[in-house]
Amino acid sequence: MGRRRACVLELLEQDRAYLESLVRDGRTQQRVVRRARILLALSDPETIVQELAEKLEQARHTIWHLCRRYQERGTEAVFDAPRSGRPWTIPPSGAGRPRTIGLL
């Protein structure tokens, strides 16, 4: 099995600056930072997907999928896509617990 080169992304200078700012910002969610790092690494023609996958502990298909998403959506690819269905909620503390008192 040969080593495939990554799809070399031609990042616009504004996209590169934006992705680098996401990586440097300490308040950005780590999954977004990881995706930004992958895109920045894919802009280097010497990047090999298998090595990048091992370094970042990701599957190869995840990297290829992100590459395709970037080509379709631009820098918005680093953020989660909207999900269908009811939003997830956390009930107030104590809600849903049984209120039975028993003897030992």
PDB file of N, CA and C in Angstrom:
ATOM      1  N   MET A   1       0.848  -1.173   0.000  1.00  0.00           N
ATOM      2  CA  MET A   1       0.000   0.000   0.000  1.00  0.00           C
ATOM      3  C   MET A   1       0.890   1.231   0.000  1.00  0.00           C
ATOM      4  N   GLY A   2       0.764   2.084  -1.015  1.00  0.00           N
ATOM      5  CA  GLY A   2       1.595   3.268  -1.143  1.00  0.00           C
ATOM      6  C   GLY A   2       1.127   4.396  -0.242  1.00  0.00           C
ATOM      7  N   ARG A   3       2.017   5.333  -0.064  1.00  0.00           N
ATOM      8  CA  ARG A   3       1.679   6.497   0.744  1.00  0.00           C
ATOM      9  C   ARG A   3       1.146   7.575  -0.174  1.00  0.00           C
ATOM     10  N   ARG A   4      -0.080   7.967   0.051  1.00  0.00           N
ATOM     11  CA  ARG A   4      -0.699   8.986  -0.785  1.00  0.00           C
ATOM     12  C   ARG A   4      -0.404  10.359  -0.224  1.00  0.00           C
ATOM     13  N   ARG A   5      -0.094  11.268  -1.102  1.00  0.00           N
ATOM     14  CA  ARG A   5       0.065  12.658  -0.702  1.00  0.00           C
ATOM     15  C   ARG A   5      -1.318  13.217  -0.407  1.00  0.00           C
ATOM     16  N   ALA A   6      -1.349  14.191   0.443  1.00  0.00           N
ATOM     17  CA  ALA A   6      -2.619  14.817   0.781  1.00  0.00           C
ATOM     18  C   ALA A   6      -3.113  15.636  -0.397  1.00  0.00           C
ATOM     19  N   CYS A   7      -4.405  15.913  -0.387  1.00  0.00           N
ATOM     20  CA  CYS A   7      -4.904  16.855  -1.373  1.00  0.00           C
ATOM     21  C   CYS A   7      -4.343  18.212  -0.950  1.00  0.00           C
ATOM     22  N   VAL A   8      -3.524  18.803  -1.778  1.00  0.00           N
ATOM     23  CA  VAL A   8      -2.883  20.064  -1.414  1.00  0.00           C
ATOM     24  C   VAL A   8      -3.919  21.165  -1.552  1.00  0.00           C
ATOM     25  N   LEU A   9      -4.187  21.816  -0.434  1.00  0.00           N
ATOM     26  CA  LEU A   9      -5.166  22.891  -0.439  1.00  0.00           C
ATOM     27  C   LEU A   9      -4.462  24.213  -0.711  1.00  0.00           C
ATOM     28  N   GLU A  10      -5.003  24.973  -1.597  1.00  0.00           N
ATOM     29  CA  GLU A  10      -4.505  26.320  -1.852  1.00  0.00           C
ATOM     30  C   GLU A  10      -5.308  27.250  -0.947  1.00  0.00           C
ATOM     31  N   LEU A  11      -4.782  27.506   0.241  1.00  0.00           N
ATOM     32  CA  LEU A  11      -5.479  28.371   1.186  1.00  0.00           C
ATOM     33  C   LEU A  11      -5.283  29.823   0.775  1.00  0.00           C
ATOM     34  N   LEU A  12      -6.357  30.580   0.776  1.00  0.00           N
ATOM     35  CA  LEU A  12      -6.247  32.018   0.587  1.00  0.00           C
ATOM     36  C   LEU A  12      -5.542  32.597   1.809  1.00  0.00           C
ATOM     37  N   GLU A  13      -4.859  33.705   1.641  1.00  0.00           N
ATOM     38  CA  GLU A  13      -4.124  34.306   2.758  1.00  0.00           C
ATOM     39  C   GLU A  13      -5.064  34.650   3.919  1.00  0.00           C
ATOM     40  N   GLN A  14      -6.271  35.104   3.603  1.00  0.00           N
ATOM     41  CA  GLN A  14      -7.232  35.432   4.666  1.00  0.00           C
ATOM     42  C   GLN A  14      -7.713  34.164   5.383  1.00  0.00           C
ATOM     43  N   ASP A  15      -7.862  33.052   4.642  1.00  0.00           N
ATOM     44  CA  ASP A  15      -8.250  31.782   5.257  1.00  0.00           C
ATOM     45  C   ASP A  15      -7.147  31.277   6.180  1.00  0.00           C
ATOM     46  N   ARG A  16      -5.893  31.373   5.713  1.00  0.00           N
ATOM     47  CA  ARG A  16      -4.756  30.938   6.526  1.00  0.00           C
ATOM     48  C   ARG A  16      -4.685  31.751   7.824  1.00  0.00           C
ATOM     49  N   ALA A  17      -4.838  33.055   7.716  1.00  0.00           N
ATOM     50  CA  ALA A  17      -4.784  33.921   8.898  1.00  0.00           C
ATOM     51  C   ALA A  17      -5.918  33.575   9.863  1.00  0.00           C
ATOM     52  N   TYR A  18      -7.103  33.324   9.324  1.00  0.00           N
ATOM     53  CA  TYR A  18      -8.255  32.982  10.164  1.00  0.00           C
ATOM     54  C   TYR A  18      -8.035  31.650  10.885  1.00  0.00           C
ATOM     55  N   LEU A  19      -7.551  30.641  10.163  1.00  0.00           N
ATOM     56  CA  LEU A  19      -7.305  29.329  10.774  1.00  0.00           C
ATOM     57  C   LEU A  19      -6.207  29.415  11.836  1.00  0.00           C
ATOM     58  N   GLU A  20      -5.163  30.185  11.561  1.00  0.00           N
ATOM     59  CA  GLU A  20      -4.096  30.357  12.557  1.00  0.00           C
ATOM     60  C   GLU A  20      -4.602  31.076  13.792  1.00  0.00           C
ATOM     61  N   SER A  21      -5.516  32.029  13.619  1.00  0.00           N
ATOM     62  CA  SER A  21      -6.079  32.720  14.786  1.00  0.00           C
ATOM     63  C   SER A  21      -6.948  31.775  15.615  1.00  0.00           C
ATOM     64  N   LEU A  22      -7.658  30.856  14.954  1.00  0.00           N
ATOM     65  CA  LEU A  22      -8.441  29.861  15.696  1.00  0.00           C
ATOM     66  C   LEU A  22      -7.531  28.962  16.532  1.00  0.00           C
ATOM     67  N   VAL A  23      -6.387  28.578  15.962  1.00  0.00           N
ATOM     68  CA  VAL A  23      -5.453  27.701  16.668  1.00  0.00           C
ATOM     69  C   VAL A  23      -4.852  28.423  17.874  1.00  0.00           C
ATOM     70  N   ARG A  24      -4.523  29.710  17.712  1.00  0.00           N
ATOM     71  CA  ARG A  24      -3.889  30.466  18.802  1.00  0.00           C
ATOM     72  C   ARG A  24      -4.862  30.867  19.900  1.00  0.00           C
ATOM     73  N   ASP A  25      -6.134  31.042  19.572  1.00  0.00           N
ATOM     74  CA  ASP A  25      -7.124  31.503  20.546  1.00  0.00           C
ATOM     75  C   ASP A  25      -7.386  30.406  21.565  1.00  0.00           C
ATOM     76  N   GLY A  26      -7.194  30.696  22.823  1.00  0.00           N
ATOM     77  CA  GLY A  26      -7.366  29.705  23.879  1.00  0.00           C
ATOM     78  C   GLY A  26      -8.808  29.367  24.196  1.00  0.00           C
ATOM     79  N   ARG A  27      -9.749  30.083  23.610  1.00  0.00           N
ATOM     80  CA  ARG A  27     -11.161  29.841  23.917  1.00  0.00           C
ATOM     81  C   ARG A  27     -11.874  29.019  22.856  1.00  0.00           C
ATOM     82  N   THR A  28     -11.166  28.657  21.801  1.00  0.00           N
ATOM     83  CA  THR A  28     -11.770  27.886  20.716  1.00  0.00           C
ATOM     84  C   THR A  28     -11.900  26.422  21.122  1.00  0.00           C
ATOM     85  N   GLN A  29     -13.020  25.802  20.768  1.00  0.00           N
ATOM     86  CA  GLN A  29     -13.223  24.386  21.071  1.00  0.00           C
ATOM     87  C   GLN A  29     -12.128  23.558  20.418  1.00  0.00           C
ATOM     88  N   GLN A  30     -11.669  22.533  21.125  1.00  0.00           N
ATOM     89  CA  GLN A  30     -10.537  21.752  20.653  1.00  0.00           C
ATOM     90  C   GLN A  30     -10.830  21.005  19.356  1.00  0.00           C
ATOM     91  N   ARG A  31     -12.064  20.592  19.134  1.00  0.00           N
ATOM     92  CA  ARG A  31     -12.369  19.904  17.877  1.00  0.00           C
ATOM     93  C   ARG A  31     -12.236  20.860  16.693  1.00  0.00           C
ATOM     94  N   VAL A  32     -12.545  22.142  16.909  1.00  0.00           N
ATOM     95  CA  VAL A  32     -12.396  23.143  15.856  1.00  0.00           C
ATOM     96  C   VAL A  32     -10.908  23.404  15.617  1.00  0.00           C
ATOM     97  N   VAL A  33     -10.123  23.492  16.690  1.00  0.00           N
ATOM     98  CA  VAL A  33      -8.677  23.701  16.571  1.00  0.00           C
ATOM     99  C   VAL A  33      -8.028  22.536  15.827  1.00  0.00           C
ATOM    100  N   ARG A  34      -8.442  21.318  16.146  1.00  0.00           N
ATOM    101  CA  ARG A  34      -7.882  20.142  15.479  1.00  0.00           C
ATOM    102  C   ARG A  34      -8.162  20.198  13.973  1.00  0.00           C
ATOM    103  N   ARG A  35      -9.379  20.581  13.598  1.00  0.00           N
ATOM    104  CA  ARG A  35      -9.725  20.675  12.178  1.00  0.00           C
ATOM    105  C   ARG A  35      -8.926  21.778  11.492  1.00  0.00           C
ATOM    106  N   ALA A  36      -8.729  22.907  12.190  1.00  0.00           N
ATOM    107  CA  ALA A  36      -7.937  23.998  11.623  1.00  0.00           C
ATOM    108  C   ALA A  36      -6.490  23.563  11.421  1.00  0.00           C
ATOM    109  N   ARG A  37      -5.932  22.816  12.370  1.00  0.00           N
ATOM    110  CA  ARG A  37      -4.565  22.314  12.223  1.00  0.00           C
ATOM    111  C   ARG A  37      -4.442  21.364  11.034  1.00  0.00           C
ATOM    112  N   ILE A  38      -5.460  20.541  10.845  1.00  0.00           N
ATOM    113  CA  ILE A  38      -5.443  19.617   9.705  1.00  0.00           C
ATOM    114  C   ILE A  38      -5.426  20.409   8.402  1.00  0.00           C
ATOM    115  N   LEU A  39      -6.277  21.422   8.285  1.00  0.00           N
ATOM    116  CA  LEU A  39      -6.325  22.213   7.057  1.00  0.00           C
ATOM    117  C   LEU A  39      -5.014  22.951   6.820  1.00  0.00           C
ATOM    118  N   LEU A  40      -4.416  23.478   7.890  1.00  0.00           N
ATOM    119  CA  LEU A  40      -3.128  24.162   7.738  1.00  0.00           C
ATOM    120  C   LEU A  40      -2.053  23.179   7.280  1.00  0.00           C
ATOM    121  N   ALA A  41      -2.085  21.970   7.814  1.00  0.00           N
ATOM    122  CA  ALA A  41      -1.097  20.964   7.412  1.00  0.00           C
ATOM    123  C   ALA A  41      -1.316  20.536   5.965  1.00  0.00           C
ATOM    124  N   LEU A  42      -2.558  20.489   5.514  1.00  0.00           N
ATOM    125  CA  LEU A  42      -2.847  20.076   4.140  1.00  0.00           C
ATOM    126  C   LEU A  42      -2.416  21.118   3.113  1.00  0.00           C
ATOM    127  N   SER A  43      -2.128  22.340   3.564  1.00  0.00           N
ATOM    128  CA  SER A  43      -1.659  23.357   2.623  1.00  0.00           C
ATOM    129  C   SER A  43      -0.183  23.161   2.275  1.00  0.00           C
ATOM    130  N   ASP A  44       0.505  22.280   3.018  1.00  0.00           N
ATOM    131  CA  ASP A  44       1.904  21.954   2.732  1.00  0.00           C
ATOM    132  C   ASP A  44       1.945  20.785   1.756  1.00  0.00           C
ATOM    133  N   PRO A  45       2.610  20.945   0.598  1.00  0.00           N
ATOM    134  CA  PRO A  45       2.625  19.859  -0.395  1.00  0.00           C
ATOM    135  C   PRO A  45       3.363  18.604   0.063  1.00  0.00           C
ATOM    136  N   GLU A  46       4.184  18.692   1.078  1.00  0.00           N
ATOM    137  CA  GLU A  46       4.945  17.543   1.562  1.00  0.00           C
ATOM    138  C   GLU A  46       4.158  16.677   2.557  1.00  0.00           C
ATOM    139  N   THR A  47       2.968  17.099   2.920  1.00  0.00           N
ATOM    140  CA  THR A  47       2.166  16.377   3.914  1.00  0.00           C
ATOM    141  C   THR A  47       1.713  15.037   3.358  1.00  0.00           C
ATOM    142  N   ILE A  48       1.877  13.992   4.161  1.00  0.00           N
ATOM    143  CA  ILE A  48       1.376  12.654   3.832  1.00  0.00           C
ATOM    144  C   ILE A  48       0.247  12.355   4.803  1.00  0.00           C
ATOM    145  N   VAL A  49      -0.890  11.966   4.267  1.00  0.00           N
ATOM    146  CA  VAL A  49      -2.101  11.798   5.068  1.00  0.00           C
ATOM    147  C   VAL A  49      -1.898  10.795   6.205  1.00  0.00           C
ATOM    148  N   GLN A  50      -1.272   9.677   5.942  1.00  0.00           N
ATOM    149  CA  GLN A  50      -1.080   8.657   6.977  1.00  0.00           C
ATOM    150  C   GLN A  50      -0.269   9.217   8.149  1.00  0.00           C
ATOM    151  N   GLU A  51       0.790   9.945   7.860  1.00  0.00           N
ATOM    152  CA  GLU A  51       1.615  10.530   8.930  1.00  0.00           C
ATOM    153  C   GLU A  51       0.845  11.592   9.696  1.00  0.00           C
ATOM    154  N   LEU A  52       0.080  12.404   8.989  1.00  0.00           N
ATOM    155  CA  LEU A  52      -0.742  13.417   9.647  1.00  0.00           C
ATOM    156  C   LEU A  52      -1.797  12.764  10.529  1.00  0.00           C
ATOM    157  N   ALA A  53      -2.404  11.701  10.032  1.00  0.00           N
ATOM    158  CA  ALA A  53      -3.427  10.985  10.804  1.00  0.00           C
ATOM    159  C   ALA A  53      -2.837  10.411  12.087  1.00  0.00           C
ATOM    160  N   GLU A  54      -1.654   9.833  11.996  1.00  0.00           N
ATOM    161  CA  GLU A  54      -1.013   9.271  13.190  1.00  0.00           C
ATOM    162  C   GLU A  54      -0.616  10.366  14.164  1.00  0.00           C
ATOM    163  N   LYS A  55      -0.102  11.469  13.655  1.00  0.00           N
ATOM    164  CA  LYS A  55       0.340  12.570  14.517  1.00  0.00           C
ATOM    165  C   LYS A  55      -0.828  13.166  15.289  1.00  0.00           C
ATOM    166  N   LEU A  56      -1.956  13.349  14.622  1.00  0.00           N
ATOM    167  CA  LEU A  56      -3.120  13.970  15.252  1.00  0.00           C
ATOM    168  C   LEU A  56      -4.116  12.960  15.811  1.00  0.00           C
ATOM    169  N   GLU A  57      -3.766  11.672  15.720  1.00  0.00           N
ATOM    170  CA  GLU A  57      -4.619  10.592  16.224  1.00  0.00           C
ATOM    171  C   GLU A  57      -6.023  10.646  15.625  1.00  0.00           C
ATOM    172  N   GLN A  58      -6.061  10.743  14.303  1.00  0.00           N
ATOM    173  CA  GLN A  58      -7.307  10.764  13.560  1.00  0.00           C
ATOM    174  C   GLN A  58      -7.259   9.672  12.503  1.00  0.00           C
ATOM    175  N   ALA A  59      -8.414   9.295  12.009  1.00  0.00           N
ATOM    176  CA  ALA A  59      -8.480   8.331  10.915  1.00  0.00           C
ATOM    177  C   ALA A  59      -8.198   9.047   9.590  1.00  0.00           C
ATOM    178  N   ARG A  60      -7.620   8.310   8.640  1.00  0.00           N
ATOM    179  CA  ARG A  60      -7.317   8.910   7.338  1.00  0.00           C
ATOM    180  C   ARG A  60      -8.569   9.435   6.650  1.00  0.00           C
ATOM    181  N   HIS A  61      -9.657   8.673   6.743  1.00  0.00           N
ATOM    182  CA  HIS A  61     -10.884   9.106   6.059  1.00  0.00           C
ATOM    183  C   HIS A  61     -11.426  10.397   6.661  1.00  0.00           C
ATOM    184  N   THR A  62     -11.146  10.654   7.940  1.00  0.00           N
ATOM    185  CA  THR A  62     -11.565  11.903   8.572  1.00  0.00           C
ATOM    186  C   THR A  62     -10.857  13.083   7.916  1.00  0.00           C
ATOM    187  N   ILE A  63      -9.573  12.911   7.634  1.00  0.00           N
ATOM    188  CA  ILE A  63      -8.797  13.976   7.005  1.00  0.00           C
ATOM    189  C   ILE A  63      -9.278  14.216   5.581  1.00  0.00           C
ATOM    190  N   TRP A  64      -9.518  13.143   4.837  1.00  0.00           N
ATOM    191  CA  TRP A  64     -10.013  13.298   3.466  1.00  0.00           C
ATOM    192  C   TRP A  64     -11.392  13.957   3.457  1.00  0.00           C
ATOM    193  N   HIS A  65     -12.231  13.579   4.403  1.00  0.00           N
ATOM    194  CA  HIS A  65     -13.573  14.160   4.491  1.00  0.00           C
ATOM    195  C   HIS A  65     -13.482  15.662   4.778  1.00  0.00           C
ATOM    196  N   LEU A  66     -12.602  16.057   5.692  1.00  0.00           N
ATOM    197  CA  LEU A  66     -12.430  17.469   6.013  1.00  0.00           C
ATOM    198  C   LEU A  66     -11.898  18.239   4.811  1.00  0.00           C
ATOM    199  N   CYS A  67     -11.010  17.627   4.055  1.00  0.00           N
ATOM    200  CA  CYS A  67     -10.479  18.250   2.844  1.00  0.00           C
ATOM    201  C   CYS A  67     -11.610  18.548   1.859  1.00  0.00           C
ATOM    202  N   ARG A  68     -12.487  17.596   1.649  1.00  0.00           N
ATOM    203  CA  ARG A  68     -13.624  17.800   0.749  1.00  0.00           C
ATOM    204  C   ARG A  68     -14.580  18.865   1.288  1.00  0.00           C
ATOM    205  N   ARG A  69     -14.806  18.850   2.613  1.00  0.00           N
ATOM    206  CA  ARG A  69     -15.685  19.866   3.208  1.00  0.00           C
ATOM    207  C   ARG A  69     -15.118  21.262   3.022  1.00  0.00           C
ATOM    208  N   TYR A  70     -13.797  21.404   3.166  1.00  0.00           N
ATOM    209  CA  TYR A  70     -13.186  22.721   2.974  1.00  0.00           C
ATOM    210  C   TYR A  70     -13.358  23.179   1.522  1.00  0.00           C
ATOM    211  N   GLN A  71     -13.194  22.270   0.587  1.00  0.00           N
ATOM    212  CA  GLN A  71     -13.345  22.641  -0.819  1.00  0.00           C
ATOM    213  C   GLN A  71     -14.774  23.065  -1.134  1.00  0.00           C
ATOM    214  N   GLU A  72     -15.747  22.521  -0.411  1.00  0.00           N
ATOM    215  CA  GLU A  72     -17.150  22.877  -0.636  1.00  0.00           C
ATOM    216  C   GLU A  72     -17.577  24.123   0.137  1.00  0.00           C
ATOM    217  N   ARG A  73     -17.142  24.230   1.410  1.00  0.00           N
ATOM    218  CA  ARG A  73     -17.681  25.257   2.304  1.00  0.00           C
ATOM    219  C   ARG A  73     -16.675  26.306   2.757  1.00  0.00           C
ATOM    220  N   GLY A  74     -15.409  26.146   2.445  1.00  0.00           N
ATOM    221  CA  GLY A  74     -14.407  27.104   2.903  1.00  0.00           C
ATOM    222  C   GLY A  74     -14.097  26.910   4.382  1.00  0.00           C
ATOM    223  N   THR A  75     -13.767  27.986   5.067  1.00  0.00           N
ATOM    224  CA  THR A  75     -13.357  27.886   6.473  1.00  0.00           C
ATOM    225  C   THR A  75     -14.492  27.455   7.396  1.00  0.00           C
ATOM    226  N   GLU A  76     -15.719  27.519   6.940  1.00  0.00           N
ATOM    227  CA  GLU A  76     -16.847  27.042   7.750  1.00  0.00           C
ATOM    228  C   GLU A  76     -16.772  25.536   7.985  1.00  0.00           C
ATOM    229  N   ALA A  77     -15.907  24.859   7.246  1.00  0.00           N
ATOM    230  CA  ALA A  77     -15.764  23.401   7.381  1.00  0.00           C
ATOM    231  C   ALA A  77     -15.228  23.005   8.751  1.00  0.00           C
ATOM    232  N   VAL A  78     -14.569  23.916   9.458  1.00  0.00           N
ATOM    233  CA  VAL A  78     -14.014  23.556  10.767  1.00  0.00           C
ATOM    234  C   VAL A  78     -15.083  23.500  11.850  1.00  0.00           C
ATOM    235  N   PHE A  79     -16.236  24.082  11.587  1.00  0.00           N
ATOM    236  CA  PHE A  79     -17.310  24.090  12.580  1.00  0.00           C
ATOM    237  C   PHE A  79     -18.285  22.951  12.321  1.00  0.00           C
ATOM    238  N   ASP A  80     -18.980  22.524  13.371  1.00  0.00           N
ATOM    239  CA  ASP A  80     -19.958  21.453  13.248  1.00  0.00           C
ATOM    240  C   ASP A  80     -21.123  21.896  12.366  1.00  0.00           C
ATOM    241  N   ALA A  81     -21.613  20.976  11.582  1.00  0.00           N
ATOM    242  CA  ALA A  81     -22.780  21.247  10.750  1.00  0.00           C
ATOM    243  C   ALA A  81     -24.030  21.226  11.622  1.00  0.00           C
ATOM    244  N   PRO A  82     -25.056  21.974  11.250  1.00  0.00           N
ATOM    245  CA  PRO A  82     -26.292  21.938  12.032  1.00  0.00           C
ATOM    246  C   PRO A  82     -26.885  20.533  12.049  1.00  0.00           C
ATOM    247  N   ARG A  83     -27.448  20.163  13.151  1.00  0.00           N
ATOM    248  CA  ARG A  83     -28.043  18.831  13.301  1.00  0.00           C
ATOM    249  C   ARG A  83     -29.555  18.941  13.300  1.00  0.00           C
ATOM    250  N   SER A  84     -30.186  17.917  12.796  1.00  0.00           N
ATOM    251  CA  SER A  84     -31.643  17.903  12.815  1.00  0.00           C
ATOM    252  C   SER A  84     -32.120  17.337  14.147  1.00  0.00           C
ATOM    253  N   GLY A  85     -33.353  17.614  14.456  1.00  0.00           N
ATOM    254  CA  GLY A  85     -33.925  17.063  15.680  1.00  0.00           C
ATOM    255  C   GLY A  85     -33.987  18.072  16.806  1.00  0.00           C
ATOM    256  N   ARG A  86     -34.539  17.617  17.892  1.00  0.00           N
ATOM    257  CA  ARG A  86     -34.723  18.458  19.058  1.00  0.00           C
ATOM    258  C   ARG A  86     -33.378  18.743  19.727  1.00  0.00           C
ATOM    259  N   PRO A  87     -33.136  19.992  20.148  1.00  0.00           N
ATOM    260  CA  PRO A  87     -31.878  20.300  20.823  1.00  0.00           C
ATOM    261  C   PRO A  87     -31.737  19.529  22.123  1.00  0.00           C
ATOM    262  N   TRP A  88     -30.510  19.213  22.460  1.00  0.00           N
ATOM    263  CA  TRP A  88     -30.210  18.476  23.671  1.00  0.00           C
ATOM    264  C   TRP A  88     -30.371  19.379  24.873  1.00  0.00           C
ATOM    265  N   THR A  89     -31.060  18.924  25.927  1.00  0.00           N
ATOM    266  CA  THR A  89     -31.232  19.730  27.138  1.00  0.00           C
ATOM    267  C   THR A  89     -30.803  18.929  28.350  1.00  0.00           C
ATOM    268  N   ILE A  90     -30.367  19.643  29.357  1.00  0.00           N
ATOM    269  CA  ILE A  90     -29.984  19.013  30.624  1.00  0.00           C
ATOM    270  C   ILE A  90     -31.024  19.408  31.660  1.00  0.00           C
ATOM    271  N   PRO A  91     -31.690  18.443  32.293  1.00  0.00           N
ATOM    272  CA  PRO A  91     -32.730  18.783  33.264  1.00  0.00           C
ATOM    273  C   PRO A  91     -32.107  19.398  34.519  1.00  0.00           C
ATOM    274  N   PRO A  92     -32.894  20.176  35.275  1.00  0.00           N
ATOM    275  CA  PRO A  92     -32.377  20.739  36.519  1.00  0.00           C
ATOM    276  C   PRO A  92     -31.949  19.625  37.479  1.00  0.00           C
ATOM    277  N   SER A  93     -31.025  19.937  38.375  1.00  0.00           N
ATOM    278  CA  SER A  93     -30.532  18.904  39.292  1.00  0.00           C
ATOM    279  C   SER A  93     -31.677  18.348  40.131  1.00  0.00           C
ATOM    280  N   GLY A  94     -31.669  17.077  40.311  1.00  0.00           N
ATOM    281  CA  GLY A  94     -32.697  16.414  41.096  1.00  0.00           C
ATOM    282  C   GLY A  94     -33.894  15.960  40.283  1.00  0.00           C
ATOM    283  N   ALA A  95     -34.051  16.504  39.102  1.00  0.00           N
ATOM    284  CA  ALA A  95     -35.191  16.114  38.264  1.00  0.00           C
ATOM    285  C   ALA A  95     -34.981  14.708  37.732  1.00  0.00           C
ATOM    286  N   GLY A  96     -35.994  13.917  37.757  1.00  0.00           N
ATOM    287  CA  GLY A  96     -35.935  12.583  37.189  1.00  0.00           C
ATOM    288  C   GLY A  96     -35.448  11.518  38.150  1.00  0.00           C
ATOM    289  N   ARG A  97     -35.044  11.897  39.348  1.00  0.00           N
ATOM    290  CA  ARG A  97     -34.630  10.884  40.322  1.00  0.00           C
ATOM    291  C   ARG A  97     -35.842  10.369  41.071  1.00  0.00           C
ATOM    292  N   PRO A  98     -35.850   9.090  41.392  1.00  0.00           N
ATOM    293  CA  PRO A  98     -36.979   8.575  42.159  1.00  0.00           C
ATOM    294  C   PRO A  98     -37.004   9.189  43.560  1.00  0.00           C
ATOM    295  N   ARG A  99     -38.182   9.494  44.044  1.00  0.00           N
ATOM    296  CA  ARG A  99     -38.354  10.135  45.344  1.00  0.00           C
ATOM    297  C   ARG A  99     -38.784   9.156  46.425  1.00  0.00           C
ATOM    298  N   THR A 100     -38.432   7.911  46.295  1.00  0.00           N
ATOM    299  CA  THR A 100     -38.857   6.923  47.284  1.00  0.00           C
ATOM    300  C   THR A 100     -37.878   6.881  48.441  1.00  0.00           C
ATOM    301  N   ILE A 101     -38.426   6.694  49.621  1.00  0.00           N
ATOM    302  CA  ILE A 101     -37.616   6.534  50.806  1.00  0.00           C
ATOM    303  C   ILE A 101     -37.911   5.157  51.350  1.00  0.00           C
ATOM    304  N   GLY A 102     -36.892   4.376  51.525  1.00  0.00           N
ATOM    305  CA  GLY A 102     -37.104   3.001  51.970  1.00  0.00           C
ATOM    306  C   GLY A 102     -36.336   2.698  53.237  1.00  0.00           C
ATOM    307  N   LEU A 103     -36.704   1.610  53.864  1.00  0.00           N
ATOM    308  CA  LEU A 103     -35.997   1.140  55.054  1.00  0.00           C
ATOM    309  C   LEU A 103     -34.953   0.123  54.639  1.00  0.00           C
ATOM    310  N   LEU A 104     -33.869   0.119  55.326  1.00  0.00           N
ATOM    311  CA  LEU A 104     -32.823  -0.840  55.019  1.00  0.00           C
ATOM    312  C   LEU A 104     -33.121  -2.159  55.615  1.00  0.00           C
TER     313      LEU A 104
END
